[in-house]
Amino acid sequence: MDEVLAKLKIQLDQQEWPNVYLFKFIVPNEDEQVAQVSALFDESVDMVLHPSRTGKYMSLSAKELMLDVDSILQKYEAAAKIKGVIAL
């Protein structure tokens, strides 16, 4: 995951911050995992949850005003610690 985050950091460094960033995750559709990923974001964040066609997974999209690249990378690192989460 470190190589992926390094590439993302290079791409994000080319943008101006603060800026709105769209996070996307695929989570096993289990209450605990969905709650853990949702908890990464404040209640004020524009968040959308969609179950997969089979209901086995939940997609979570969240738009948040991020102050800098490092705060984005920190969210991805925190999400990576949650069992079964896939960052898109």
N, C-alpha and C. Protein backbone atom coordinates (compact mmCIF):
# COMPACT_ATOMS: atom_id res chain seq x y z
N MET A 1 0.82 -1.21 0.00
CA MET A 1 0.00 0.00 0.00
C MET A 1 0.86 1.26 0.00
N ASP A 2 2.07 1.17 0.55
CA ASP A 2 2.94 2.34 0.61
C ASP A 2 3.27 2.88 -0.78
N GLU A 3 3.48 1.99 -1.74
CA GLU A 3 3.79 2.43 -3.10
C GLU A 3 2.58 3.14 -3.72
N VAL A 4 1.40 2.63 -3.46
CA VAL A 4 0.18 3.24 -3.97
C VAL A 4 0.01 4.64 -3.37
N LEU A 5 0.22 4.76 -2.06
CA LEU A 5 0.09 6.06 -1.41
C LEU A 5 1.15 7.04 -1.90
N ALA A 6 2.33 6.55 -2.19
CA ALA A 6 3.39 7.41 -2.72
C ALA A 6 3.00 7.98 -4.08
N LYS A 7 2.43 7.14 -4.93
CA LYS A 7 1.96 7.61 -6.25
C LYS A 7 0.82 8.60 -6.10
N LEU A 8 -0.10 8.32 -5.17
CA LEU A 8 -1.21 9.23 -4.93
C LEU A 8 -0.70 10.57 -4.44
N LYS A 9 0.28 10.56 -3.55
CA LYS A 9 0.84 11.80 -3.01
C LYS A 9 1.42 12.66 -4.14
N ILE A 10 2.11 12.04 -5.07
CA ILE A 10 2.68 12.78 -6.21
C ILE A 10 1.57 13.46 -7.01
N GLN A 11 0.49 12.72 -7.26
CA GLN A 11 -0.64 13.28 -8.03
C GLN A 11 -1.31 14.41 -7.26
N LEU A 12 -1.52 14.20 -5.96
CA LEU A 12 -2.23 15.20 -5.17
C LEU A 12 -1.40 16.46 -4.94
N ASP A 13 -0.09 16.31 -4.89
CA ASP A 13 0.80 17.47 -4.70
C ASP A 13 0.69 18.46 -5.85
N GLN A 14 0.18 18.02 -6.99
CA GLN A 14 0.04 18.90 -8.15
C GLN A 14 -1.22 19.77 -8.07
N GLN A 15 -2.08 19.49 -7.11
CA GLN A 15 -3.32 20.26 -6.95
C GLN A 15 -3.14 21.30 -5.85
N GLU A 16 -4.06 22.28 -5.83
CA GLU A 16 -4.04 23.30 -4.79
C GLU A 16 -4.88 22.84 -3.61
N TRP A 17 -4.39 23.12 -2.41
CA TRP A 17 -5.09 22.74 -1.18
C TRP A 17 -5.23 23.96 -0.30
N PRO A 18 -6.32 24.11 0.43
CA PRO A 18 -7.42 23.16 0.65
C PRO A 18 -8.31 23.00 -0.57
N ASN A 19 -8.94 21.82 -0.63
CA ASN A 19 -9.81 21.48 -1.75
C ASN A 19 -10.74 20.34 -1.31
N VAL A 20 -11.85 20.17 -2.02
CA VAL A 20 -12.76 19.06 -1.73
C VAL A 20 -12.19 17.81 -2.38
N TYR A 21 -12.16 16.73 -1.62
CA TYR A 21 -11.62 15.46 -2.11
C TYR A 21 -12.69 14.38 -1.98
N LEU A 22 -12.80 13.54 -2.99
CA LEU A 22 -13.78 12.45 -2.98
C LEU A 22 -13.08 11.15 -2.61
N PHE A 23 -13.45 10.61 -1.46
CA PHE A 23 -12.96 9.30 -1.02
C PHE A 23 -13.96 8.24 -1.46
N LYS A 24 -13.46 7.09 -1.92
CA LYS A 24 -14.33 5.97 -2.29
C LYS A 24 -13.76 4.69 -1.69
N PHE A 25 -14.64 3.94 -1.04
CA PHE A 25 -14.25 2.69 -0.42
C PHE A 25 -15.28 1.62 -0.72
N ILE A 26 -14.83 0.38 -0.80
CA ILE A 26 -15.70 -0.79 -0.86
C ILE A 26 -15.49 -1.52 0.47
N VAL A 27 -16.60 -1.81 1.15
CA VAL A 27 -16.54 -2.39 2.50
C VAL A 27 -17.43 -3.62 2.53
N PRO A 28 -17.01 -4.70 3.22
CA PRO A 28 -17.95 -5.80 3.43
C PRO A 28 -19.20 -5.26 4.12
N ASN A 29 -20.36 -5.69 3.68
CA ASN A 29 -21.62 -5.15 4.21
C ASN A 29 -21.92 -5.76 5.59
N GLU A 30 -21.06 -5.42 6.53
CA GLU A 30 -21.24 -5.82 7.91
C GLU A 30 -21.23 -4.55 8.75
N ASP A 31 -22.13 -4.48 9.72
CA ASP A 31 -22.31 -3.25 10.48
C ASP A 31 -21.01 -2.69 11.04
N GLU A 32 -20.17 -3.57 11.59
CA GLU A 32 -18.93 -3.10 12.23
C GLU A 32 -18.00 -2.43 11.23
N GLN A 33 -17.77 -3.07 10.08
CA GLN A 33 -16.85 -2.49 9.09
C GLN A 33 -17.42 -1.19 8.51
N VAL A 34 -18.70 -1.17 8.19
CA VAL A 34 -19.32 0.04 7.64
C VAL A 34 -19.22 1.18 8.65
N ALA A 35 -19.47 0.88 9.92
CA ALA A 35 -19.40 1.90 10.97
C ALA A 35 -17.97 2.41 11.13
N GLN A 36 -16.99 1.53 11.05
CA GLN A 36 -15.60 1.95 11.20
C GLN A 36 -15.17 2.89 10.08
N VAL A 37 -15.56 2.58 8.86
CA VAL A 37 -15.20 3.45 7.74
C VAL A 37 -15.98 4.77 7.83
N SER A 38 -17.25 4.70 8.17
CA SER A 38 -18.04 5.92 8.32
C SER A 38 -17.47 6.83 9.40
N ALA A 39 -16.91 6.23 10.45
CA ALA A 39 -16.35 7.00 11.56
C ALA A 39 -15.10 7.78 11.18
N LEU A 40 -14.52 7.48 10.02
CA LEU A 40 -13.36 8.24 9.56
C LEU A 40 -13.74 9.67 9.18
N PHE A 41 -15.04 9.92 9.02
CA PHE A 41 -15.52 11.21 8.53
C PHE A 41 -16.45 11.86 9.55
N ASP A 42 -16.44 13.20 9.58
CA ASP A 42 -17.35 13.96 10.44
C ASP A 42 -18.77 13.85 9.92
N GLU A 43 -19.72 14.17 10.77
CA GLU A 43 -21.13 14.12 10.37
C GLU A 43 -21.45 15.14 9.28
N SER A 44 -20.66 16.20 9.18
CA SER A 44 -20.91 17.26 8.20
C SER A 44 -20.51 16.86 6.78
N VAL A 45 -19.81 15.75 6.64
CA VAL A 45 -19.31 15.30 5.33
C VAL A 45 -20.46 14.73 4.49
N ASP A 46 -20.44 15.04 3.20
CA ASP A 46 -21.43 14.51 2.26
C ASP A 46 -21.04 13.06 1.96
N MET A 47 -21.79 12.11 2.57
CA MET A 47 -21.46 10.69 2.45
C MET A 47 -22.63 9.94 1.83
N VAL A 48 -22.31 9.03 0.91
CA VAL A 48 -23.33 8.22 0.25
C VAL A 48 -22.93 6.75 0.38
N LEU A 49 -23.89 5.93 0.82
CA LEU A 49 -23.69 4.48 0.94
C LEU A 49 -24.58 3.78 -0.07
N HIS A 50 -24.03 2.81 -0.80
CA HIS A 50 -24.79 2.01 -1.76
C HIS A 50 -24.44 0.54 -1.58
N PRO A 51 -25.45 -0.31 -1.37
CA PRO A 51 -25.15 -1.75 -1.30
C PRO A 51 -24.86 -2.28 -2.70
N SER A 52 -24.04 -3.33 -2.76
CA SER A 52 -23.77 -3.97 -4.05
C SER A 52 -25.02 -4.72 -4.50
N ARG A 53 -25.01 -5.16 -5.74
CA ARG A 53 -26.17 -5.85 -6.30
C ARG A 53 -26.54 -7.07 -5.46
N THR A 54 -25.53 -7.79 -4.96
CA THR A 54 -25.79 -8.99 -4.17
C THR A 54 -25.97 -8.68 -2.68
N GLY A 55 -25.64 -7.44 -2.28
CA GLY A 55 -25.76 -7.07 -0.88
C GLY A 55 -24.59 -7.48 -0.02
N LYS A 56 -23.58 -8.09 -0.64
CA LYS A 56 -22.42 -8.57 0.11
C LYS A 56 -21.47 -7.43 0.50
N TYR A 57 -21.47 -6.37 -0.32
CA TYR A 57 -20.57 -5.23 -0.09
C TYR A 57 -21.36 -3.93 -0.05
N MET A 58 -20.71 -2.92 0.51
CA MET A 58 -21.28 -1.58 0.55
C MET A 58 -20.23 -0.64 -0.03
N SER A 59 -20.66 0.23 -0.94
CA SER A 59 -19.73 1.25 -1.41
C SER A 59 -20.00 2.52 -0.62
N LEU A 60 -18.94 3.18 -0.23
CA LEU A 60 -19.04 4.41 0.54
C LEU A 60 -18.27 5.49 -0.20
N SER A 61 -18.95 6.57 -0.51
CA SER A 61 -18.31 7.73 -1.14
C SER A 61 -18.49 8.90 -0.19
N ALA A 62 -17.43 9.66 0.02
CA ALA A 62 -17.48 10.79 0.93
C ALA A 62 -16.70 11.96 0.35
N LYS A 63 -17.35 13.11 0.27
CA LYS A 63 -16.69 14.34 -0.17
C LYS A 63 -16.39 15.17 1.06
N GLU A 64 -15.11 15.51 1.21
CA GLU A 64 -14.70 16.27 2.39
C GLU A 64 -13.71 17.35 1.98
N LEU A 65 -13.82 18.51 2.62
CA LEU A 65 -12.85 19.58 2.41
C LEU A 65 -11.57 19.20 3.14
N MET A 66 -10.52 18.96 2.39
CA MET A 66 -9.25 18.55 2.98
C MET A 66 -8.27 19.72 2.91
N LEU A 67 -7.53 19.90 3.99
CA LEU A 67 -6.62 21.03 4.07
C LEU A 67 -5.30 20.79 3.35
N ASP A 68 -4.86 19.52 3.34
CA ASP A 68 -3.58 19.23 2.69
C ASP A 68 -3.51 17.76 2.29
N VAL A 69 -2.49 17.41 1.56
CA VAL A 69 -2.30 16.06 1.04
C VAL A 69 -2.09 15.06 2.18
N ASP A 70 -1.32 15.45 3.18
CA ASP A 70 -1.03 14.53 4.29
C ASP A 70 -2.29 14.09 5.02
N SER A 71 -3.28 14.98 5.16
CA SER A 71 -4.52 14.60 5.85
C SER A 71 -5.31 13.57 5.02
N ILE A 72 -5.21 13.64 3.71
CA ILE A 72 -5.84 12.64 2.84
C ILE A 72 -5.16 11.29 3.01
N LEU A 73 -3.85 11.30 2.98
CA LEU A 73 -3.09 10.05 3.13
C LEU A 73 -3.34 9.41 4.49
N GLN A 74 -3.50 10.22 5.53
CA GLN A 74 -3.79 9.70 6.87
C GLN A 74 -5.12 8.95 6.90
N LYS A 75 -6.12 9.47 6.18
CA LYS A 75 -7.42 8.79 6.12
C LYS A 75 -7.29 7.44 5.43
N TYR A 76 -6.53 7.41 4.33
CA TYR A 76 -6.34 6.14 3.64
C TYR A 76 -5.57 5.14 4.50
N GLU A 77 -4.58 5.61 5.25
CA GLU A 77 -3.84 4.72 6.15
C GLU A 77 -4.74 4.17 7.24
N ALA A 78 -5.62 5.01 7.79
CA ALA A 78 -6.56 4.56 8.82
C ALA A 78 -7.55 3.55 8.24
N ALA A 79 -8.02 3.79 7.02
CA ALA A 79 -8.97 2.87 6.37
C ALA A 79 -8.32 1.53 6.08
N ALA A 80 -7.03 1.54 5.76
CA ALA A 80 -6.31 0.30 5.43
C ALA A 80 -6.24 -0.65 6.62
N LYS A 81 -6.40 -0.13 7.83
CA LYS A 81 -6.35 -0.96 9.05
C LYS A 81 -7.68 -1.66 9.32
N ILE A 82 -8.72 -1.29 8.59
CA ILE A 82 -10.05 -1.88 8.79
C ILE A 82 -10.16 -3.14 7.92
N LYS A 83 -10.56 -4.23 8.53
CA LYS A 83 -10.61 -5.53 7.85
C LYS A 83 -11.53 -5.49 6.64
N GLY A 84 -11.00 -5.89 5.48
CA GLY A 84 -11.80 -6.06 4.28
C GLY A 84 -12.05 -4.81 3.46
N VAL A 85 -11.53 -3.68 3.85
CA VAL A 85 -11.79 -2.43 3.15
C VAL A 85 -10.89 -2.31 1.92
N ILE A 86 -11.49 -1.87 0.81
CA ILE A 86 -10.76 -1.62 -0.42
C ILE A 86 -10.92 -0.15 -0.75
N ALA A 87 -9.81 0.55 -0.91
CA ALA A 87 -9.84 1.96 -1.29
C ALA A 87 -9.78 2.06 -2.80
N LEU A 88 -10.61 2.91 -3.37
CA LEU A 88 -10.60 3.10 -4.82
C LEU A 88 -9.98 4.44 -5.18
